[in-house]
Amino acid sequence: METLIVHPKNQKQLAAVEAVLKALNVAFNKKESPYNPDFVAAIKKSQEQAKNGKVVTYTHSQLADLCK
């Protein structure tokens, strides 16, 4: 049989998926994310900002100055 990996967006979706699987008598395993939820939220926010063009570009010399 195949394995499905499900990524619910919130607790409500997770509960619904679990309820369906239990009702169908389908075995499943739960695995917690190894990442801090605040860190994940910050990364998602940054990705959304980049998608909307809210980015700052630096030249090589500007980056070199930042790393001094």
C-alpha atoms as a PDB file:
ATOM      1  CA  MET A   1       0.000   0.000   0.000  1.00  0.00           C
ATOM      2  CA  GLU A   2       1.013   3.630  -0.410  1.00  0.00           C
ATOM      3  CA  THR A   3       1.786   6.152   2.305  1.00  0.00           C
ATOM      4  CA  LEU A   4       0.105   9.548   2.402  1.00  0.00           C
ATOM      5  CA  ILE A   5       1.637  12.558   4.104  1.00  0.00           C
ATOM      6  CA  VAL A   6      -0.968  15.130   5.113  1.00  0.00           C
ATOM      7  CA  HIS A   7      -0.205  18.743   6.072  1.00  0.00           C
ATOM      8  CA  PRO A   8      -3.227  20.223   7.865  1.00  0.00           C
ATOM      9  CA  LYS A   9      -3.126  24.009   8.136  1.00  0.00           C
ATOM     10  CA  ASN A  10      -4.743  24.188  11.554  1.00  0.00           C
ATOM     11  CA  GLN A  11      -6.039  22.148  14.485  1.00  0.00           C
ATOM     12  CA  LYS A  12      -9.556  21.954  13.005  1.00  0.00           C
ATOM     13  CA  GLN A  13      -8.263  20.299   9.818  1.00  0.00           C
ATOM     14  CA  LEU A  14      -6.099  17.918  11.833  1.00  0.00           C
ATOM     15  CA  ALA A  15      -9.064  16.837  13.937  1.00  0.00           C
ATOM     16  CA  ALA A  16     -11.202  16.304  10.830  1.00  0.00           C
ATOM     17  CA  VAL A  17      -8.559  14.172   9.104  1.00  0.00           C
ATOM     18  CA  GLU A  18      -8.047  12.079  12.237  1.00  0.00           C
ATOM     19  CA  ALA A  19     -11.806  11.569  12.581  1.00  0.00           C
ATOM     20  CA  VAL A  20     -12.128  10.376   8.972  1.00  0.00           C
ATOM     21  CA  LEU A  21      -9.192   7.998   9.309  1.00  0.00           C
ATOM     22  CA  LYS A  22     -10.569   6.565  12.535  1.00  0.00           C
ATOM     23  CA  ALA A  23     -14.043   6.178  10.997  1.00  0.00           C
ATOM     24  CA  LEU A  24     -12.533   4.268   8.058  1.00  0.00           C
ATOM     25  CA  ASN A  25     -10.382   2.199  10.434  1.00  0.00           C
ATOM     26  CA  VAL A  26      -7.188   3.410   8.726  1.00  0.00           C
ATOM     27  CA  ALA A  27      -4.004   3.167  10.777  1.00  0.00           C
ATOM     28  CA  PHE A  28      -2.004   6.398  11.059  1.00  0.00           C
ATOM     29  CA  ASN A  29       0.960   7.858  12.930  1.00  0.00           C
ATOM     30  CA  LYS A  30       1.323  11.377  14.275  1.00  0.00           C
ATOM     31  CA  LYS A  31       4.677  13.118  14.214  1.00  0.00           C
ATOM     32  CA  GLU A  32       5.340  16.522  15.754  1.00  0.00           C
ATOM     33  CA  SER A  33       7.278  19.097  13.767  1.00  0.00           C
ATOM     34  CA  PRO A  34      10.876  19.431  14.987  1.00  0.00           C
ATOM     35  CA  TYR A  35      10.715  23.199  14.393  1.00  0.00           C
ATOM     36  CA  ASN A  36       9.685  25.924  16.816  1.00  0.00           C
ATOM     37  CA  PRO A  37       6.253  27.245  15.696  1.00  0.00           C
ATOM     38  CA  ASP A  38       7.416  30.869  16.094  1.00  0.00           C
ATOM     39  CA  PHE A  39      10.367  30.180  13.792  1.00  0.00           C
ATOM     40  CA  VAL A  40       8.098  28.569  11.187  1.00  0.00           C
ATOM     41  CA  ALA A  41       5.708  31.544  11.357  1.00  0.00           C
ATOM     42  CA  ALA A  42       8.593  33.991  10.863  1.00  0.00           C
ATOM     43  CA  ILE A  43       9.851  32.063   7.815  1.00  0.00           C
ATOM     44  CA  LYS A  44       6.355  31.940   6.286  1.00  0.00           C
ATOM     45  CA  LYS A  45       5.949  35.690   6.868  1.00  0.00           C
ATOM     46  CA  SER A  46       9.287  36.353   5.140  1.00  0.00           C
ATOM     47  CA  GLN A  47       8.312  34.142   2.206  1.00  0.00           C
ATOM     48  CA  GLU A  48       5.033  36.040   1.808  1.00  0.00           C
ATOM     49  CA  GLN A  49       6.870  39.382   1.938  1.00  0.00           C
ATOM     50  CA  ALA A  50       9.316  38.195  -0.737  1.00  0.00           C
ATOM     51  CA  LYS A  51       6.430  36.995  -2.917  1.00  0.00           C
ATOM     52  CA  ASN A  52       4.897  40.495  -2.622  1.00  0.00           C
ATOM     53  CA  GLY A  53       8.181  42.153  -3.615  1.00  0.00           C
ATOM     54  CA  LYS A  54       8.984  43.496  -0.157  1.00  0.00           C
ATOM     55  CA  VAL A  55      12.700  42.657  -0.253  1.00  0.00           C
ATOM     56  CA  VAL A  56      15.965  44.503   0.213  1.00  0.00           C
ATOM     57  CA  THR A  57      18.827  43.876  -2.195  1.00  0.00           C
ATOM     58  CA  TYR A  58      22.492  44.346  -1.319  1.00  0.00           C
ATOM     59  CA  THR A  59      25.620  44.620  -3.453  1.00  0.00           C
ATOM     60  CA  HIS A  60      28.694  42.536  -2.673  1.00  0.00           C
ATOM     61  CA  SER A  61      30.409  45.525  -1.085  1.00  0.00           C
ATOM     62  CA  GLN A  62      27.370  46.250   1.095  1.00  0.00           C
ATOM     63  CA  LEU A  63      27.329  42.626   2.248  1.00  0.00           C
ATOM     64  CA  ALA A  64      31.042  42.741   2.949  1.00  0.00           C
ATOM     65  CA  ASP A  65      30.490  45.874   5.072  1.00  0.00           C
ATOM     66  CA  LEU A  66      27.727  44.120   7.016  1.00  0.00           C
ATOM     67  CA  CYS A  67      30.023  41.178   7.781  1.00  0.00           C
ATOM     68  CA  LYS A  68      32.886  43.261   9.211  1.00  0.00           C
END
